[in-house]
Amino acid sequence: MTLRELRRGQSAHVTGFNAQEEQLETRLREIGFAEGDRVELMHWGLFGRNPITVKLNGTLIAMRKNEAKAVKVELEQA
């Protein structure tokens, strides 16, 4: 599952990356994404559901759908 597939309000943990380009993975890591981090989908954009807003370890981050598609996640157990 990827970050892009989460529904609003769902929480998950980052398990890895599926970036087609190494530069994208590097950029995501620079933003603060790392394996084991908790992420929650907060909001979809109005037009084409782009950008999305996620909460990463308590910090709000806006990102494009193609960037979110590169972040692999696993849902938190309820």
C-alpha atoms as a PDB file:
ATOM      1  CA  MET A   1       0.000   0.000   0.000  1.00  0.00           C
ATOM      2  CA  THR A   2       1.190   3.537  -0.670  1.00  0.00           C
ATOM      3  CA  LEU A   3       0.621   6.828   1.097  1.00  0.00           C
ATOM      4  CA  ARG A   4      -1.578   7.922  -1.803  1.00  0.00           C
ATOM      5  CA  GLU A   5      -4.007   5.055  -1.085  1.00  0.00           C
ATOM      6  CA  LEU A   6      -4.756   6.107   2.500  1.00  0.00           C
ATOM      7  CA  ARG A   7      -8.160   7.527   3.309  1.00  0.00           C
ATOM      8  CA  ARG A   8      -8.554  10.780   5.182  1.00  0.00           C
ATOM      9  CA  GLY A   9      -7.827  10.275   8.865  1.00  0.00           C
ATOM     10  CA  GLN A  10      -6.068   6.914   8.427  1.00  0.00           C
ATOM     11  CA  SER A  11      -2.708   6.422  10.106  1.00  0.00           C
ATOM     12  CA  ALA A  12       0.122   4.215   8.934  1.00  0.00           C
ATOM     13  CA  HIS A  13       3.840   3.587   9.319  1.00  0.00           C
ATOM     14  CA  VAL A  14       6.352   4.114   6.531  1.00  0.00           C
ATOM     15  CA  THR A  15       7.812   0.774   5.399  1.00  0.00           C
ATOM     16  CA  GLY A  16       9.947   1.901   2.465  1.00  0.00           C
ATOM     17  CA  PHE A  17       9.989   3.692  -0.846  1.00  0.00           C
ATOM     18  CA  ASN A  18       8.910   2.829  -4.373  1.00  0.00           C
ATOM     19  CA  ALA A  19      10.407   5.798  -6.214  1.00  0.00           C
ATOM     20  CA  GLN A  20      11.115   5.432  -9.921  1.00  0.00           C
ATOM     21  CA  GLU A  21      13.893   8.000  -9.565  1.00  0.00           C
ATOM     22  CA  GLU A  22      16.553   7.969  -6.876  1.00  0.00           C
ATOM     23  CA  GLN A  23      16.276  11.772  -6.622  1.00  0.00           C
ATOM     24  CA  LEU A  24      12.658  11.479  -5.482  1.00  0.00           C
ATOM     25  CA  GLU A  25      13.552   9.066  -2.686  1.00  0.00           C
ATOM     26  CA  THR A  26      16.377  11.368  -1.620  1.00  0.00           C
ATOM     27  CA  ARG A  27      14.019  14.362  -1.571  1.00  0.00           C
ATOM     28  CA  LEU A  28      11.441  12.441   0.499  1.00  0.00           C
ATOM     29  CA  ARG A  29      14.126  11.455   3.002  1.00  0.00           C
ATOM     30  CA  GLU A  30      15.302  15.080   3.190  1.00  0.00           C
ATOM     31  CA  ILE A  31      11.742  16.173   3.990  1.00  0.00           C
ATOM     32  CA  GLY A  32      11.808  13.718   6.898  1.00  0.00           C
ATOM     33  CA  PHE A  33      10.262  10.452   5.683  1.00  0.00           C
ATOM     34  CA  ALA A  34      12.006   7.352   7.048  1.00  0.00           C
ATOM     35  CA  GLU A  35      11.093   3.746   7.687  1.00  0.00           C
ATOM     36  CA  GLY A  36       9.059   3.378  10.884  1.00  0.00           C
ATOM     37  CA  ASP A  37       7.730   6.947  10.908  1.00  0.00           C
ATOM     38  CA  ARG A  38       4.050   7.500  11.656  1.00  0.00           C
ATOM     39  CA  VAL A  39       2.077   9.287   8.954  1.00  0.00           C
ATOM     40  CA  GLU A  40      -1.591  10.325   8.800  1.00  0.00           C
ATOM     41  CA  LEU A  41      -3.521  11.578   5.782  1.00  0.00           C
ATOM     42  CA  MET A  42      -5.130  14.877   6.761  1.00  0.00           C
ATOM     43  CA  HIS A  43      -6.569  16.426   3.610  1.00  0.00           C
ATOM     44  CA  TRP A  44      -6.985  15.982  -0.152  1.00  0.00           C
ATOM     45  CA  GLY A  45      -6.735  19.002  -2.458  1.00  0.00           C
ATOM     46  CA  LEU A  46      -9.910  20.295  -4.113  1.00  0.00           C
ATOM     47  CA  PHE A  47      -8.944  19.828  -7.754  1.00  0.00           C
ATOM     48  CA  GLY A  48      -7.906  16.332  -8.750  1.00  0.00           C
ATOM     49  CA  ARG A  49      -7.216  15.508  -5.085  1.00  0.00           C
ATOM     50  CA  ASN A  50      -3.872  17.218  -5.464  1.00  0.00           C
ATOM     51  CA  PRO A  51      -1.927  18.187  -3.384  1.00  0.00           C
ATOM     52  CA  ILE A  52      -2.462  16.119  -0.270  1.00  0.00           C
ATOM     53  CA  THR A  53      -1.629  17.099   3.288  1.00  0.00           C
ATOM     54  CA  VAL A  54      -0.118  14.550   5.639  1.00  0.00           C
ATOM     55  CA  LYS A  55       1.011  14.694   9.237  1.00  0.00           C
ATOM     56  CA  LEU A  56       4.474  13.163   9.571  1.00  0.00           C
ATOM     57  CA  ASN A  57       5.580  12.739  13.176  1.00  0.00           C
ATOM     58  CA  GLY A  58       3.454  15.744  14.172  1.00  0.00           C
ATOM     59  CA  THR A  59       4.473  18.027  11.278  1.00  0.00           C
ATOM     60  CA  LEU A  60       2.087  18.949   8.452  1.00  0.00           C
ATOM     61  CA  ILE A  61       3.489  18.415   4.957  1.00  0.00           C
ATOM     62  CA  ALA A  62       1.861  19.163   1.588  1.00  0.00           C
ATOM     63  CA  MET A  63       2.930  16.906  -1.249  1.00  0.00           C
ATOM     64  CA  ARG A  64       1.938  15.883  -4.761  1.00  0.00           C
ATOM     65  CA  LYS A  65       0.110  12.625  -5.445  1.00  0.00           C
ATOM     66  CA  ASN A  66       3.040  11.230  -7.436  1.00  0.00           C
ATOM     67  CA  GLU A  67       5.318  11.829  -4.434  1.00  0.00           C
ATOM     68  CA  ALA A  68       2.819  10.131  -2.109  1.00  0.00           C
ATOM     69  CA  LYS A  69       2.701   7.155  -4.493  1.00  0.00           C
ATOM     70  CA  ALA A  70       6.426   6.629  -3.884  1.00  0.00           C
ATOM     71  CA  VAL A  71       6.020   6.138  -0.098  1.00  0.00           C
ATOM     72  CA  LYS A  72       5.115   2.584   0.953  1.00  0.00           C
ATOM     73  CA  VAL A  73       3.101   2.313   4.167  1.00  0.00           C
ATOM     74  CA  GLU A  74       1.426  -0.238   6.395  1.00  0.00           C
ATOM     75  CA  LEU A  75      -1.792   0.646   8.237  1.00  0.00           C
ATOM     76  CA  GLU A  76      -1.632   0.949  12.015  1.00  0.00           C
ATOM     77  CA  GLN A  77      -3.357  -1.810  13.901  1.00  0.00           C
ATOM     78  CA  ALA A  78      -6.461  -0.560  15.703  1.00  0.00           C
END
